[in-house]
N, C-alpha and C. Protein backbone atom coordinates (compact mmCIF):
# COMPACT_ATOMS: atom_id res chain seq x y z
N UNK A 1 -111.30 27.70 -70.24
CA UNK A 1 -111.33 26.83 -69.72
C UNK A 1 -113.15 27.21 -68.72
N UNK A 2 -113.16 28.42 -68.69
CA UNK A 2 -114.49 28.64 -67.81
C UNK A 2 -115.74 28.07 -68.48
N UNK A 3 -115.64 27.96 -69.59
CA UNK A 3 -116.86 27.41 -70.42
C UNK A 3 -116.61 25.96 -70.59
N UNK A 4 -115.43 25.69 -70.47
CA UNK A 4 -115.44 24.05 -69.82
C UNK A 4 -116.52 23.58 -68.97
N UNK A 5 -115.50 24.43 -68.30
CA UNK A 5 -116.26 24.31 -66.63
C UNK A 5 -117.96 24.56 -66.48
N UNK A 6 -118.48 25.27 -67.11
CA UNK A 6 -119.37 25.92 -66.83
C UNK A 6 -120.97 24.80 -67.67
N UNK A 7 -120.23 23.76 -68.76
CA UNK A 7 -120.84 22.91 -69.42
C UNK A 7 -120.44 21.02 -68.87
N UNK A 8 -119.72 21.39 -67.70
CA UNK A 8 -119.40 19.68 -66.78
C UNK A 8 -120.42 19.70 -66.15
N UNK A 9 -120.92 18.46 -66.05
CA UNK A 9 -121.77 17.20 -65.64
C UNK A 9 -120.85 16.48 -64.75
N UNK A 10 -121.86 16.62 -63.70
CA UNK A 10 -120.94 15.85 -62.31
C UNK A 10 -120.55 14.45 -62.82
N UNK A 11 -121.03 13.50 -64.32
CA UNK A 11 -120.43 12.31 -64.45
C UNK A 11 -119.15 12.94 -64.73
N UNK A 12 -119.17 14.02 -65.59
CA UNK A 12 -117.39 14.25 -66.59
C UNK A 12 -116.85 14.19 -65.77
N UNK A 13 -116.24 14.20 -63.93
CA UNK A 13 -115.30 14.54 -63.31
C UNK A 13 -115.53 13.45 -62.00
N UNK A 14 -116.47 12.74 -62.04
CA UNK A 14 -116.86 11.16 -61.23
C UNK A 14 -116.98 11.92 -59.68
N UNK A 15 -117.75 12.77 -59.70
CA UNK A 15 -118.15 12.94 -58.68
C UNK A 15 -119.39 12.69 -58.30
N UNK A 16 -120.01 12.73 -56.85
CA UNK A 16 -121.60 12.44 -56.46
C UNK A 16 -122.33 12.99 -55.74
N UNK A 17 -123.21 13.01 -54.77
CA UNK A 17 -123.97 14.09 -53.94
C UNK A 17 -122.77 12.68 -52.56
N UNK A 18 -122.49 13.98 -52.01
CA UNK A 18 -121.90 13.16 -50.33
C UNK A 18 -122.32 14.11 -49.20
N UNK A 19 -121.85 13.69 -47.71
CA UNK A 19 -122.59 14.47 -47.10
C UNK A 19 -122.00 15.50 -47.03
N UNK A 20 -121.30 16.09 -47.50
CA UNK A 20 -120.75 17.19 -47.13
C UNK A 20 -121.18 17.75 -48.46
N UNK A 21 -121.46 17.65 -49.63
CA UNK A 21 -121.56 18.37 -50.48
C UNK A 21 -122.96 17.28 -51.65
N UNK A 22 -123.93 17.91 -50.65
CA UNK A 22 -125.55 16.77 -51.31
C UNK A 22 -126.01 17.97 -52.38
N UNK A 23 -125.39 19.58 -52.69
CA UNK A 23 -125.91 19.86 -53.64
C UNK A 23 -124.96 20.48 -54.49
N UNK A 24 -123.95 20.84 -54.27
CA UNK A 24 -122.92 21.66 -55.01
C UNK A 24 -121.81 20.65 -55.61
N UNK A 25 -121.10 21.04 -56.50
CA UNK A 25 -120.29 19.89 -56.79
C UNK A 25 -119.19 20.60 -57.07
N UNK A 26 -119.40 22.25 -57.83
CA UNK A 26 -118.42 23.33 -58.12
C UNK A 26 -119.17 24.25 -57.99
N UNK A 27 -117.64 25.98 -58.41
CA UNK A 27 -118.34 27.11 -57.96
C UNK A 27 -117.35 28.15 -58.78
N UNK A 28 -117.37 28.79 -59.80
CA UNK A 28 -116.72 29.49 -60.31
C UNK A 28 -116.41 31.22 -59.60
N UNK A 29 -115.99 31.95 -59.28
CA UNK A 29 -115.88 33.27 -58.56
C UNK A 29 -115.18 33.83 -59.43
N UNK A 30 -115.61 35.26 -60.41
CA UNK A 30 -115.33 35.72 -60.71
C UNK A 30 -115.29 36.99 -60.96
N UNK A 31 -114.22 38.50 -60.79
CA UNK A 31 -114.26 39.00 -59.69
C UNK A 31 -113.78 40.07 -60.98
N UNK A 32 -114.15 41.12 -61.07
CA UNK A 32 -114.21 41.80 -62.26
C UNK A 32 -113.17 43.33 -61.62
N UNK A 33 -111.78 43.54 -62.77
CA UNK A 33 -110.55 44.28 -62.45
C UNK A 33 -110.73 45.19 -63.41
N UNK A 34 -110.52 46.51 -63.60
CA UNK A 34 -110.25 47.71 -64.41
C UNK A 34 -109.18 46.24 -65.92
N UNK A 35 -107.58 46.12 -65.25
CA UNK A 35 -107.75 45.14 -65.99
C UNK A 35 -108.08 43.86 -66.90
N UNK A 36 -109.04 43.84 -66.33
CA UNK A 36 -110.15 42.27 -66.79
C UNK A 36 -110.45 41.50 -65.74
N UNK A 37 -110.58 40.43 -66.01
CA UNK A 37 -111.62 39.59 -65.27
C UNK A 37 -110.58 38.27 -64.23
N UNK A 38 -110.41 38.10 -63.41
CA UNK A 38 -110.32 37.05 -62.62
C UNK A 38 -111.15 35.82 -62.27
N UNK A 39 -111.07 34.64 -62.65
CA UNK A 39 -111.78 33.11 -62.92
C UNK A 39 -111.07 32.46 -61.75
N UNK A 40 -111.74 32.17 -60.61
CA UNK A 40 -111.23 31.06 -59.46
C UNK A 40 -112.49 30.16 -60.06
N UNK A 41 -112.01 28.69 -60.47
CA UNK A 41 -112.47 27.28 -60.61
C UNK A 41 -112.24 26.37 -59.70
N UNK A 42 -112.95 25.91 -58.63
CA UNK A 42 -113.38 24.85 -57.57
C UNK A 42 -114.41 23.93 -57.68
N UNK A 43 -113.50 22.24 -58.61
CA UNK A 43 -114.47 21.31 -58.18
C UNK A 43 -114.50 20.31 -56.94
N UNK A 44 -115.70 19.65 -56.70
CA UNK A 44 -115.44 18.63 -56.04
C UNK A 44 -114.72 17.11 -56.14
N UNK A 45 -114.20 17.38 -57.28
CA UNK A 45 -113.05 16.41 -57.87
C UNK A 45 -111.38 16.61 -57.05
N UNK A 46 -111.28 18.00 -56.78
CA UNK A 46 -110.42 18.47 -56.29
C UNK A 46 -109.82 19.30 -56.92
N UNK A 47 -110.68 19.66 -58.61
CA UNK A 47 -109.99 20.52 -59.33
C UNK A 47 -109.90 22.56 -58.56
N UNK A 48 -108.44 22.80 -59.07
CA UNK A 48 -108.49 24.10 -58.11
C UNK A 48 -107.74 24.76 -59.23
N UNK A 49 -108.35 25.91 -60.11
CA UNK A 49 -107.41 27.02 -61.22
C UNK A 49 -108.51 28.01 -60.67
N UNK A 50 -107.12 29.03 -61.22
CA UNK A 50 -107.15 30.45 -61.24
C UNK A 50 -106.88 31.35 -62.47
N UNK A 51 -107.62 31.37 -63.22
CA UNK A 51 -107.36 32.34 -64.49
C UNK A 51 -107.38 33.80 -64.63
N UNK A 52 -106.43 34.48 -64.99
CA UNK A 52 -106.84 36.15 -65.43
C UNK A 52 -107.14 36.14 -67.12
N UNK A 53 -108.10 36.92 -66.98
CA UNK A 53 -108.43 37.64 -68.62
C UNK A 53 -107.36 37.45 -69.18
N UNK A 54 -106.09 38.66 -69.04
CA UNK A 54 -105.16 38.94 -69.91
C UNK A 54 -104.76 38.26 -70.06
N UNK A 55 -104.22 37.07 -69.36
CA UNK A 55 -103.31 36.04 -69.70
C UNK A 55 -102.53 35.17 -68.49
N UNK A 56 -102.32 34.41 -68.15
CA UNK A 56 -101.71 33.40 -66.99
C UNK A 56 -102.75 33.39 -66.50
N UNK A 57 -102.33 32.53 -65.55
CA UNK A 57 -103.36 31.83 -64.07
C UNK A 57 -101.74 30.52 -63.20
N UNK A 58 -102.81 29.79 -62.40
CA UNK A 58 -102.45 29.10 -62.19
C UNK A 58 -103.23 27.84 -61.73
N UNK A 59 -103.06 26.28 -62.86
CA UNK A 59 -103.70 25.52 -63.04
C UNK A 59 -103.16 24.36 -62.28
N UNK A 60 -104.34 23.26 -61.84
CA UNK A 60 -104.34 22.44 -61.28
C UNK A 60 -103.37 22.62 -60.00
N UNK A 61 -104.10 23.08 -59.28
CA UNK A 61 -103.24 23.71 -57.60
C UNK A 61 -103.38 22.91 -56.70
N UNK A 62 -104.79 22.68 -56.67
CA UNK A 62 -105.17 21.29 -55.99
C UNK A 62 -104.99 20.38 -55.48
N UNK A 63 -104.01 20.12 -55.77
CA UNK A 63 -102.99 18.77 -54.60
C UNK A 63 -102.50 19.58 -53.65
N UNK A 64 -102.25 21.05 -53.48
CA UNK A 64 -101.31 21.02 -52.41
C UNK A 64 -101.95 21.31 -51.49
N UNK A 65 -101.69 20.80 -50.73
CA UNK A 65 -102.28 20.57 -48.98
C UNK A 65 -102.91 21.96 -48.57
N UNK A 66 -102.38 23.04 -48.88
CA UNK A 66 -103.33 24.73 -48.01
C UNK A 66 -104.30 25.12 -48.99
N UNK A 67 -104.16 24.39 -50.22
CA UNK A 67 -105.28 24.91 -51.29
C UNK A 67 -105.71 23.95 -51.38
N UNK A 68 -105.67 22.56 -51.15
CA UNK A 68 -107.10 21.59 -51.17
C UNK A 68 -107.68 21.90 -49.78
N UNK A 69 -107.18 21.86 -48.82
CA UNK A 69 -107.96 22.63 -47.34
C UNK A 69 -108.95 23.86 -47.67
N UNK A 70 -108.80 25.16 -48.41
CA UNK A 70 -109.36 25.71 -48.23
C UNK A 70 -110.40 25.67 -49.46
N UNK A 71 -110.47 25.38 -50.23
CA UNK A 71 -111.21 24.94 -51.67
C UNK A 71 -111.95 23.89 -51.29
N UNK A 72 -111.37 22.61 -50.28
CA UNK A 72 -112.40 22.51 -49.73
C UNK A 72 -113.56 23.01 -48.82
N UNK A 73 -112.93 23.84 -47.86
CA UNK A 73 -113.75 24.55 -47.36
C UNK A 73 -114.80 25.69 -48.07
N UNK A 74 -114.32 25.88 -49.07
CA UNK A 74 -115.07 26.45 -50.03
C UNK A 74 -116.04 26.23 -50.69
N UNK A 75 -115.91 25.12 -50.98
CA UNK A 75 -117.47 24.00 -51.33
C UNK A 75 -118.00 23.60 -50.43
N UNK A 76 -117.82 23.54 -49.27
CA UNK A 76 -118.34 23.59 -48.05
C UNK A 76 -119.46 24.62 -47.41
N UNK A 77 -118.70 26.34 -47.52
CA UNK A 77 -119.48 27.24 -47.57
C UNK A 77 -120.69 27.27 -48.83
N UNK A 78 -120.03 27.15 -50.10
CA UNK A 78 -120.97 27.26 -51.12
C UNK A 78 -122.23 26.68 -51.01
N UNK A 79 -121.67 25.44 -50.44
CA UNK A 79 -122.87 24.27 -50.00
C UNK A 79 -123.88 24.86 -49.09
N UNK A 80 -123.47 25.34 -47.96
CA UNK A 80 -124.21 25.60 -47.24
C UNK A 80 -125.22 26.93 -47.67
N UNK A 81 -124.94 27.80 -48.45
CA UNK A 81 -125.13 28.84 -49.33
C UNK A 81 -126.27 29.06 -50.29
N UNK A 82 -126.29 27.52 -51.01
CA UNK A 82 -126.78 27.36 -52.26
C UNK A 82 -128.43 27.70 -52.33
N UNK A 83 -129.08 28.03 -51.75
CA UNK A 83 -130.44 28.17 -50.86
C UNK A 83 -130.44 30.04 -51.45
N UNK A 84 -129.31 30.43 -51.71
CA UNK A 84 -129.26 31.73 -51.90
C UNK A 84 -128.88 32.25 -53.51
N UNK A 85 -128.36 31.55 -54.03
CA UNK A 85 -128.05 31.53 -55.48
C UNK A 85 -129.76 31.45 -56.27
N UNK A 86 -129.38 31.76 -57.14
CA UNK A 86 -130.83 31.82 -58.02
C UNK A 86 -130.38 31.15 -59.71
N UNK A 87 -131.66 30.67 -60.71
CA UNK A 87 -131.21 30.10 -61.83
C UNK A 87 -130.46 31.37 -62.53
N UNK A 88 -128.94 30.74 -63.65
CA UNK A 88 -128.05 31.58 -63.86
C UNK A 88 -128.33 32.03 -65.48
N UNK A 89 -128.33 32.79 -65.84
CA UNK A 89 -128.31 32.70 -66.96
C UNK A 89 -126.35 32.82 -67.75
N UNK A 90 -126.29 32.08 -67.93
CA UNK A 90 -124.50 32.01 -68.30
C UNK A 90 -124.13 32.94 -69.10
N UNK A 91 -123.06 33.38 -68.99
CA UNK A 91 -122.55 34.08 -70.45
C UNK A 91 -121.57 35.48 -69.83
N UNK A 92 -122.63 35.89 -69.27
CA UNK A 92 -122.15 37.52 -68.62
C UNK A 92 -120.63 37.26 -68.03
N UNK A 93 -119.52 38.07 -68.17
CA UNK A 93 -118.91 38.51 -67.51
C UNK A 93 -118.75 39.65 -66.34
N UNK A 94 -118.32 39.49 -65.13
CA UNK A 94 -118.34 40.72 -64.32
C UNK A 94 -118.04 42.02 -64.51
N UNK A 95 -118.62 42.96 -64.67
CA UNK A 95 -117.92 44.73 -64.39
C UNK A 95 -116.89 44.99 -63.39
N UNK A 96 -116.23 45.71 -63.79
CA UNK A 96 -115.04 46.19 -63.03
C UNK A 96 -115.85 46.35 -61.56
N UNK A 97 -115.84 45.94 -60.28
CA UNK A 97 -115.90 46.05 -58.97
C UNK A 97 -116.69 44.68 -58.91
N UNK A 98 -117.20 44.46 -59.48
CA UNK A 98 -118.75 43.34 -59.24
C UNK A 98 -118.03 42.19 -58.75
N UNK A 99 -119.08 40.86 -58.21
CA UNK A 99 -118.09 39.59 -58.11
C UNK A 99 -119.43 38.55 -58.78
N UNK A 100 -119.12 37.80 -59.46
CA UNK A 100 -120.15 36.95 -59.85
C UNK A 100 -119.77 35.55 -59.33
N UNK A 101 -120.15 34.97 -59.56
CA UNK A 101 -120.79 33.29 -59.14
C UNK A 101 -121.16 32.44 -59.25
N UNK A 102 -120.88 31.09 -59.87
CA UNK A 102 -121.75 30.17 -60.83
C UNK A 102 -121.38 29.47 -60.10
N UNK A 103 -122.56 28.87 -59.56
CA UNK A 103 -122.67 27.04 -58.66
C UNK A 103 -122.86 26.01 -59.87
N UNK A 104 -122.29 25.46 -59.49
CA UNK A 104 -122.61 23.63 -60.33
C UNK A 104 -123.60 22.64 -59.21
N UNK A 105 -124.82 22.81 -59.65
CA UNK A 105 -125.59 21.60 -58.45
C UNK A 105 -125.63 20.47 -59.52
N UNK A 106 -126.30 19.22 -58.50
CA UNK A 106 -126.48 18.67 -58.94
C UNK A 106 -127.97 18.44 -59.90
N UNK A 107 -128.98 18.78 -59.14
CA UNK A 107 -130.39 19.32 -59.38
C UNK A 107 -130.78 20.47 -59.90
N UNK A 108 -130.14 21.30 -59.59
CA UNK A 108 -130.74 22.65 -59.89
C UNK A 108 -130.12 22.80 -61.13
N UNK A 109 -128.75 22.71 -61.42
CA UNK A 109 -128.02 23.42 -62.52
C UNK A 109 -127.19 23.95 -62.66
N UNK A 110 -127.18 25.71 -63.51
CA UNK A 110 -126.22 26.04 -62.53
C UNK A 110 -126.65 27.25 -62.45
N UNK A 111 -126.51 27.97 -60.98
CA UNK A 111 -126.90 28.93 -60.62
C UNK A 111 -126.10 29.73 -59.85
N UNK A 112 -126.96 31.14 -60.00
CA UNK A 112 -125.25 32.09 -60.32
C UNK A 112 -125.85 33.55 -59.13
N UNK A 113 -124.54 34.17 -58.42
CA UNK A 113 -125.34 35.35 -57.21
C UNK A 113 -124.40 36.16 -57.31
N UNK A 114 -124.86 37.53 -57.85
CA UNK A 114 -123.64 39.10 -57.73
C UNK A 114 -123.90 39.84 -57.20
N UNK A 115 -122.73 40.25 -56.91
CA UNK A 115 -122.84 41.65 -55.64
C UNK A 115 -122.05 42.56 -56.03
N UNK A 116 -121.60 43.61 -55.17
CA UNK A 116 -120.31 44.30 -55.71
C UNK A 116 -119.30 44.00 -54.81
N UNK A 117 -118.19 44.06 -55.03
CA UNK A 117 -117.26 43.93 -53.90
C UNK A 117 -116.71 44.59 -52.57
N UNK A 118 -117.36 45.77 -53.16
CA UNK A 118 -117.21 46.68 -51.85
C UNK A 118 -118.53 45.99 -50.86
N UNK A 119 -119.80 45.91 -51.34
CA UNK A 119 -121.32 45.17 -50.46
C UNK A 119 -120.66 44.05 -49.83
N UNK A 120 -119.84 43.22 -50.13
CA UNK A 120 -119.46 42.01 -49.84
C UNK A 120 -118.48 41.80 -48.70
N UNK A 121 -117.39 43.25 -49.23
CA UNK A 121 -116.25 43.38 -48.34
C UNK A 121 -116.69 44.52 -46.96
N UNK A 122 -117.76 45.17 -47.16
CA UNK A 122 -118.49 45.71 -46.21
C UNK A 122 -119.67 44.16 -45.30
N UNK A 123 -119.33 43.25 -45.85
CA UNK A 123 -119.77 42.57 -45.11
C UNK A 123 -121.79 42.84 -44.53
N UNK A 124 -121.55 42.97 -46.39
CA UNK A 124 -123.36 43.46 -45.58
C UNK A 124 -124.03 42.81 -46.81
N UNK A 125 -123.70 41.96 -47.17
CA UNK A 125 -124.21 40.88 -48.12
C UNK A 125 -124.80 39.67 -47.97
N UNK A 126 -125.46 39.00 -48.08
CA UNK A 126 -125.24 37.78 -48.26
C UNK A 126 -124.91 36.52 -48.13
N UNK A 127 -123.62 37.08 -49.70
CA UNK A 127 -122.81 36.26 -49.88
C UNK A 127 -121.40 36.42 -49.62
N UNK A 128 -121.63 37.32 -48.66
CA UNK A 128 -119.76 37.61 -47.70
C UNK A 128 -119.40 36.95 -48.16
N UNK A 129 -119.60 35.58 -46.89
CA UNK A 129 -118.74 34.54 -46.62
C UNK A 129 -118.57 33.76 -47.76
N UNK A 130 -119.38 33.16 -48.50
CA UNK A 130 -119.01 33.01 -49.82
C UNK A 130 -117.65 33.66 -50.06
N UNK A 131 -117.72 35.10 -50.60
CA UNK A 131 -116.72 35.70 -50.90
C UNK A 131 -115.86 35.65 -50.30
N UNK A 132 -115.76 35.88 -49.23
CA UNK A 132 -114.49 35.56 -48.06
C UNK A 132 -113.63 34.15 -47.83
N UNK A 133 -115.01 33.07 -48.13
CA UNK A 133 -114.07 31.68 -48.27
C UNK A 133 -113.34 31.40 -49.79
N UNK A 134 -113.70 31.71 -50.34
CA UNK A 134 -112.97 32.01 -52.50
C UNK A 134 -111.70 32.92 -52.01
N UNK A 135 -112.23 34.12 -51.38
CA UNK A 135 -110.34 34.91 -51.63
C UNK A 135 -109.54 34.10 -50.82
N UNK A 136 -109.90 33.62 -49.68
CA UNK A 136 -109.06 32.37 -48.80
C UNK A 136 -107.97 31.67 -49.93
N UNK A 137 -108.77 30.69 -51.00
CA UNK A 137 -108.41 30.04 -52.16
C UNK A 137 -107.62 30.47 -53.10
N UNK A 138 -107.67 31.97 -53.25
CA UNK A 138 -107.48 33.20 -54.04
C UNK A 138 -105.99 32.95 -52.94
N UNK A 139 -105.49 33.28 -52.46
CA UNK A 139 -104.68 34.08 -51.07
C UNK A 139 -103.61 32.37 -51.02
N UNK A 140 -103.76 31.28 -50.78
CA UNK A 140 -103.11 30.11 -51.45
C UNK A 140 -102.59 29.73 -52.38
N UNK A 141 -103.37 30.32 -53.27
CA UNK A 141 -102.88 29.75 -54.45
C UNK A 141 -101.49 30.69 -54.83
N UNK A 142 -102.14 32.20 -54.58
CA UNK A 142 -100.55 33.31 -54.46
C UNK A 142 -99.81 33.21 -53.80
N UNK A 143 -99.79 32.68 -52.48
CA UNK A 143 -98.80 32.19 -52.43
C UNK A 143 -97.80 31.08 -52.90
N UNK A 144 -98.41 30.19 -53.57
CA UNK A 144 -97.60 29.03 -54.51
C UNK A 144 -97.13 29.92 -55.97
N UNK A 145 -98.40 30.85 -56.29
CA UNK A 145 -97.47 31.62 -57.49
C UNK A 145 -96.03 32.40 -56.96
N UNK A 146 -96.11 32.91 -55.94
CA UNK A 146 -94.99 33.75 -55.78
C UNK A 146 -94.01 32.91 -55.25
N UNK A 147 -94.31 31.67 -54.22
CA UNK A 147 -93.15 30.64 -53.75
C UNK A 147 -92.03 30.18 -55.11
N UNK A 148 -93.57 29.80 -56.95
CA UNK A 148 -92.71 29.50 -58.22
C UNK A 148 -92.03 30.60 -58.57
N UNK A 149 -92.29 31.71 -58.43
CA UNK A 149 -91.61 32.95 -59.15
C UNK A 149 -90.58 33.42 -58.47
N UNK A 150 -90.27 32.45 -57.30
CA UNK A 150 -88.97 32.94 -56.34
C UNK A 150 -88.19 31.98 -56.65
N UNK A 151 -88.04 31.00 -57.14
CA UNK A 151 -87.32 29.92 -57.28
C UNK A 151 -86.16 30.05 -58.78
């Protein structure tokens, strides 16, 4: 799904620049952990998915109200920070402790940003707000996972 998302054109998912999202139509936030990479994908068409490199994840959770709300906010935060990202060299995965962002834009193609999880967590990086907005989406997704596991 990662490669599929990175190769998406806005027309593929039926989205166009809007009042709130003039530049951005998607974001992939990848977090490196000792046991693999966690990839969060949020698209302007409402798609929200979380994947674990070692298998599993949560697909198609964007229809859940709280997830949808957090995902919309995440995209708006990314939109507000889109100038902080650079032209991407797509392909690499983050190392343990690193966070890698891939921003899908209407006019500039794929942009990227990278930082250590420590700097982002300590609020000493320009993409800290983006990181926390993405983590809010992950938190909402994990609530769904916990609920489903309890059933």
